[in-house]
Amino acid sequence: MTGPEIQSQLPVEITGEETRRKFPWWLAVILGFLLVMGILIFINENYNEAFKFILPGIKITLYTTLAAFGIALILGLLAGLGRISHNVIINNIATAYVEFIRGVPTLVLIFTVAFVLVPTLAELLKIDNKFISQNTRAIIALAVIYGAFLAEIFRAGIESINKGQMEAARSLGMTYVQAMRYIILPQAIRNIFPALGNDFIAMLKDSSLVSVLAVRDITQRARLHAGSTFRFRESYLVLTFLYLGMTIALSLLLRWYESRSGKEQR
């Protein structure tokens, strides 16, 4: 065995500077903020009062996000398939939907869906508009908006699969739908799972916008507490603490999944 080969098998010494460079300082800062806020909520009466008032809204926030994301996945998958369809009509309808949503601000879309699209559909379906709650309108709005974003993720995921796999599946006698269901989509979803996770986190943050519809999520409850007590610092710092705690936990979970799936692939 030659000298260079022996040297290549020796463990690489990690210097202190490299360790400091790789240390996640950003995470330490965020966890430090969360720790300070947790202590303030525990020992300070004003922060504790704000926390107790805002916290019940977390159920609405999580329910709205989960329900909207579930519907958005279906819309995104259908629109994504439409984007790669060879049918001119289907392709153009899917493309128009995606480009329309991407071209209008999220807040404007929430108002448009909640107060224009939903009442119109209710009228067509002979449903009394007043029985449709604001939270239901918010869920539909977020689902329609994020369905367009997820459509592009699904499209990119499907197109990332080698075309030879579709050809092989068809040569074995599978229909297009069977090949897509059993061969292409499982692989595509595995590839795009991190991107779907990132969009779920983005939707969780954007769910704060539904407070404009008077949905009693944590953002709306923070606004109500700040308006009634004039303790804006406590109200909005607690709100920041709750959102940051949820998003950081989800981000770390997603990073863990990515690293684990990367090791399994290797």
Protein backbone atom coordinates (compact mmCIF):
# COMPACT_ATOMS: atom_id res chain seq x y z
CA MET A 1 0.00 0.00 0.00
CA THR A 2 1.49 3.30 -1.05
CA GLY A 3 1.88 6.41 1.11
CA PRO A 4 -1.00 8.39 -0.46
CA GLU A 5 -3.36 5.41 -0.02
CA ILE A 6 -2.45 5.10 3.67
CA GLN A 7 -2.92 8.83 4.14
CA SER A 8 -6.37 8.75 2.48
CA GLN A 9 -7.57 6.16 5.02
CA LEU A 10 -6.51 8.22 8.05
CA PRO A 11 -9.32 10.12 9.83
CA VAL A 12 -9.54 13.74 8.78
CA GLU A 13 -8.84 16.08 11.67
CA ILE A 14 -11.60 18.62 12.14
CA THR A 15 -10.21 21.98 13.21
CA GLY A 16 -11.89 24.26 15.73
CA GLU A 17 -12.47 26.86 13.04
CA GLU A 18 -14.29 24.34 10.85
CA THR A 19 -16.41 23.25 13.80
CA ARG A 20 -17.39 26.85 14.51
CA ARG A 21 -18.18 27.39 10.85
CA LYS A 22 -20.47 24.35 10.68
CA PHE A 23 -22.20 25.03 13.99
CA PRO A 24 -25.85 26.10 13.39
CA TRP A 25 -25.59 29.53 14.99
CA TRP A 26 -28.89 30.56 13.41
CA LEU A 27 -30.65 27.77 15.28
CA ALA A 28 -28.97 28.75 18.54
CA VAL A 29 -30.23 32.33 18.14
CA ILE A 30 -33.80 31.19 17.41
CA LEU A 31 -33.83 28.68 20.27
CA GLY A 32 -32.45 31.41 22.52
CA PHE A 33 -35.35 33.68 21.59
CA LEU A 34 -37.84 30.87 22.20
CA LEU A 35 -36.25 30.15 25.58
CA VAL A 36 -36.38 33.80 26.67
CA MET A 37 -40.00 34.06 25.55
CA GLY A 38 -40.88 30.86 27.40
CA ILE A 39 -39.36 32.25 30.59
CA LEU A 40 -41.18 35.57 30.17
CA ILE A 41 -44.50 33.78 29.66
CA PHE A 42 -43.87 31.74 32.79
CA ILE A 43 -42.76 34.55 35.13
CA ASN A 44 -44.39 37.70 33.71
CA GLU A 45 -48.10 38.19 34.37
CA ASN A 46 -48.74 40.28 31.24
CA TYR A 47 -47.05 37.79 28.92
CA ASN A 48 -48.81 34.91 30.66
CA GLU A 49 -52.19 36.60 30.25
CA ALA A 50 -51.53 37.20 26.54
CA PHE A 51 -50.40 33.60 26.08
CA LYS A 52 -53.52 32.17 27.74
CA PHE A 53 -55.77 34.38 25.61
CA ILE A 54 -54.04 33.62 22.29
CA LEU A 55 -53.26 29.91 22.72
CA PRO A 56 -56.85 28.56 22.18
CA GLY A 57 -56.68 29.91 18.62
CA ILE A 58 -53.96 27.40 17.78
CA LYS A 59 -56.64 24.74 17.23
CA ILE A 60 -58.24 26.88 14.51
CA THR A 61 -54.83 27.66 12.99
CA LEU A 62 -53.82 23.99 12.76
CA TYR A 63 -57.26 22.81 11.62
CA THR A 64 -57.42 25.46 8.90
CA THR A 65 -53.91 24.64 7.68
CA LEU A 66 -54.38 20.87 7.65
CA ALA A 67 -57.80 20.98 5.98
CA ALA A 68 -56.69 23.50 3.36
CA PHE A 69 -53.48 21.61 2.61
CA GLY A 70 -55.37 18.34 2.18
CA ILE A 71 -57.67 19.93 -0.41
CA ALA A 72 -54.73 21.76 -2.02
CA LEU A 73 -52.94 18.44 -2.53
CA ILE A 74 -55.87 17.13 -4.58
CA LEU A 75 -56.18 20.36 -6.58
CA GLY A 76 -52.42 20.51 -7.08
CA LEU A 77 -52.21 16.92 -8.28
CA LEU A 78 -55.07 17.41 -10.75
CA ALA A 79 -53.65 20.69 -12.01
CA GLY A 80 -50.15 19.22 -12.20
CA LEU A 81 -51.42 16.33 -14.31
CA GLY A 82 -53.28 18.85 -16.42
CA ARG A 83 -50.07 20.82 -16.96
CA ILE A 84 -48.36 17.79 -18.53
CA SER A 85 -51.45 16.61 -20.41
CA HIS A 86 -51.28 16.44 -24.20
CA ASN A 87 -54.93 17.48 -24.34
CA VAL A 88 -54.90 21.13 -25.40
CA ILE A 89 -58.05 22.10 -23.50
CA ILE A 90 -57.04 20.45 -20.22
CA ASN A 91 -53.49 21.79 -20.48
CA ASN A 92 -54.67 25.36 -21.06
CA ILE A 93 -57.24 25.24 -18.26
CA ALA A 94 -54.59 24.02 -15.80
CA THR A 95 -52.07 26.59 -17.01
CA ALA A 96 -54.61 29.42 -16.77
CA TYR A 97 -55.45 28.40 -13.19
CA VAL A 98 -51.79 28.32 -12.14
CA GLU A 99 -50.84 31.59 -13.83
CA PHE A 100 -53.95 33.39 -12.55
CA ILE A 101 -53.21 32.45 -8.95
CA ARG A 102 -49.53 33.31 -9.29
CA GLY A 103 -50.38 36.71 -10.74
CA VAL A 104 -52.61 37.98 -7.91
CA PRO A 105 -51.54 38.83 -4.32
CA THR A 106 -52.53 36.25 -1.71
CA LEU A 107 -54.58 38.67 0.38
CA VAL A 108 -56.58 39.81 -2.67
CA LEU A 109 -57.23 36.16 -3.59
CA ILE A 110 -58.48 35.40 -0.08
CA PHE A 111 -61.05 38.22 -0.34
CA THR A 112 -61.99 37.21 -3.89
CA VAL A 113 -62.49 33.54 -3.08
CA ALA A 114 -64.28 34.18 0.23
CA PHE A 115 -66.66 36.89 -0.96
CA VAL A 116 -66.99 36.23 -4.70
CA LEU A 117 -66.19 32.62 -5.62
CA VAL A 118 -67.76 30.90 -2.59
CA PRO A 119 -71.08 32.84 -2.76
CA THR A 120 -71.27 32.20 -6.50
CA LEU A 121 -70.75 28.46 -6.04
CA ALA A 122 -73.25 28.43 -3.16
CA GLU A 123 -75.83 30.06 -5.41
CA LEU A 124 -75.21 27.55 -8.18
CA LEU A 125 -75.50 24.65 -5.73
CA LYS A 126 -78.64 26.12 -4.11
CA ILE A 127 -76.90 26.50 -0.75
CA ASP A 128 -77.73 29.39 1.57
CA ASN A 129 -74.58 31.52 1.65
CA LYS A 130 -75.09 32.56 5.26
CA PHE A 131 -74.59 28.96 6.42
CA ILE A 132 -71.04 28.90 5.06
CA SER A 133 -68.79 29.90 7.94
CA GLN A 134 -65.85 32.27 7.62
CA ASN A 135 -63.50 29.46 8.55
CA THR A 136 -64.83 27.32 5.70
CA ARG A 137 -64.30 30.23 3.31
CA ALA A 138 -60.76 30.62 4.61
CA ILE A 139 -60.02 26.93 4.07
CA ILE A 140 -61.35 27.05 0.51
CA ALA A 141 -59.35 30.21 -0.22
CA LEU A 142 -56.06 28.76 1.03
CA ALA A 143 -56.71 25.48 -0.79
CA VAL A 144 -57.37 27.23 -4.10
CA ILE A 145 -54.29 29.43 -3.72
CA TYR A 146 -51.87 26.70 -2.70
CA GLY A 147 -53.32 24.22 -5.16
CA ALA A 148 -51.69 26.30 -7.90
CA PHE A 149 -48.31 26.30 -6.16
CA LEU A 150 -48.47 22.56 -5.52
CA ALA A 151 -49.41 21.98 -9.16
CA GLU A 152 -45.97 23.18 -10.23
CA ILE A 153 -44.31 20.95 -7.65
CA PHE A 154 -46.24 17.91 -8.87
CA ARG A 155 -45.48 18.79 -12.49
CA ALA A 156 -41.76 19.08 -11.79
CA GLY A 157 -41.78 15.83 -9.79
CA ILE A 158 -43.51 13.86 -12.53
CA GLU A 159 -41.24 15.27 -15.23
CA SER A 160 -38.18 14.33 -13.15
CA ILE A 161 -38.99 10.62 -13.62
CA ASN A 162 -37.30 9.05 -16.60
CA LYS A 163 -39.71 8.79 -19.54
CA GLY A 164 -38.47 5.27 -20.16
CA GLN A 165 -40.34 4.09 -17.07
CA MET A 166 -43.66 5.17 -18.57
CA GLU A 167 -42.76 3.49 -21.84
CA ALA A 168 -41.77 0.29 -20.01
CA ALA A 169 -45.03 0.28 -18.04
CA ARG A 170 -47.09 0.76 -21.20
CA SER A 171 -45.17 -2.01 -22.95
CA LEU A 172 -46.18 -4.35 -20.10
CA GLY A 173 -49.84 -3.68 -20.86
CA MET A 174 -50.58 -0.98 -18.29
CA THR A 175 -52.89 1.87 -19.19
CA TYR A 176 -51.67 5.45 -18.81
CA VAL A 177 -53.64 5.83 -15.56
CA GLN A 178 -52.26 2.57 -14.13
CA ALA A 179 -48.69 3.50 -15.04
CA MET A 180 -49.09 6.92 -13.49
CA ARG A 181 -50.70 5.52 -10.33
CA TYR A 182 -48.39 2.57 -9.66
CA ILE A 183 -45.08 3.58 -11.27
CA ILE A 184 -44.66 7.31 -11.80
CA LEU A 185 -46.55 9.03 -8.96
CA PRO A 186 -45.04 6.98 -6.06
CA GLN A 187 -41.54 7.92 -7.22
CA ALA A 188 -42.48 11.53 -7.94
CA ILE A 189 -44.09 12.02 -4.53
CA ARG A 190 -41.02 10.59 -2.82
CA ASN A 191 -38.86 13.08 -4.73
CA ILE A 192 -41.04 16.10 -4.03
CA PHE A 193 -41.88 15.34 -0.40
CA PRO A 194 -39.42 17.95 0.96
CA ALA A 195 -40.92 20.59 -1.35
CA LEU A 196 -44.42 19.64 -0.18
CA GLY A 197 -43.22 19.97 3.41
CA ASN A 198 -41.86 23.45 2.72
CA ASP A 199 -45.17 24.50 1.19
CA PHE A 200 -47.03 23.15 4.22
CA ILE A 201 -44.87 25.36 6.45
CA ALA A 202 -45.50 28.30 4.13
CA MET A 203 -49.26 27.67 4.33
CA LEU A 204 -49.08 27.53 8.12
CA LYS A 205 -47.56 31.01 8.08
CA ASP A 206 -49.96 32.31 5.43
CA SER A 207 -52.90 31.03 7.47
CA SER A 208 -52.38 34.18 9.56
CA LEU A 209 -53.92 36.11 6.65
CA VAL A 210 -57.32 34.51 7.26
CA SER A 211 -57.62 36.73 10.32
CA VAL A 212 -58.91 39.38 7.87
CA LEU A 213 -62.03 37.20 7.59
CA ALA A 214 -62.48 37.40 11.39
CA VAL A 215 -61.46 33.75 11.81
CA ARG A 216 -60.46 33.32 15.45
CA ASP A 217 -57.01 31.90 14.82
CA ILE A 218 -54.00 32.91 16.91
CA THR A 219 -53.39 36.02 14.79
CA GLN A 220 -56.93 37.28 15.24
CA ARG A 221 -56.86 36.54 18.95
CA ALA A 222 -53.56 38.41 19.27
CA ARG A 223 -55.11 41.40 17.50
CA LEU A 224 -58.13 41.27 19.81
CA HIS A 225 -55.95 41.06 22.91
CA ALA A 226 -53.73 43.92 21.77
CA GLY A 227 -56.75 46.06 20.92
CA SER A 228 -58.50 45.48 24.24
CA THR A 229 -55.47 45.78 26.54
CA PHE A 230 -53.14 48.01 24.46
CA ARG A 231 -50.31 45.60 25.33
CA PHE A 232 -49.03 45.32 21.78
CA ARG A 233 -45.56 44.14 22.79
CA GLU A 234 -46.79 41.19 24.82
CA SER A 235 -49.51 40.22 22.32
CA TYR A 236 -47.37 40.19 19.19
CA LEU A 237 -44.24 38.76 20.81
CA VAL A 238 -46.34 35.84 22.09
CA LEU A 239 -47.83 35.47 18.60
CA THR A 240 -44.31 35.43 17.12
CA PHE A 241 -43.27 32.85 19.71
CA LEU A 242 -46.12 30.51 18.75
CA TYR A 243 -45.58 30.73 14.99
CA LEU A 244 -41.82 30.44 15.29
CA GLY A 245 -42.09 27.45 17.61
CA MET A 246 -44.37 25.61 15.17
CA THR A 247 -42.40 26.43 12.02
CA ILE A 248 -38.99 25.64 13.53
CA ALA A 249 -40.24 22.30 14.84
CA LEU A 250 -41.62 21.42 11.40
CA SER A 251 -38.46 22.64 9.64
CA LEU A 252 -36.21 20.51 11.85
CA LEU A 253 -38.46 17.50 11.31
CA LEU A 254 -38.27 18.05 7.56
CA ARG A 255 -34.46 18.36 7.66
CA TRP A 256 -34.27 15.12 9.65
CA TYR A 257 -36.43 13.36 7.05
CA GLU A 258 -34.28 14.70 4.20
CA SER A 259 -31.06 13.54 5.84
CA ARG A 260 -32.55 10.13 6.63
CA SER A 261 -33.92 9.62 3.12
CA GLY A 262 -30.57 10.74 1.69
CA LYS A 263 -28.74 8.10 3.73
CA GLU A 264 -31.22 5.40 2.66
CA GLN A 265 -30.72 6.27 -1.01
CA ARG A 266 -26.94 6.04 -0.60
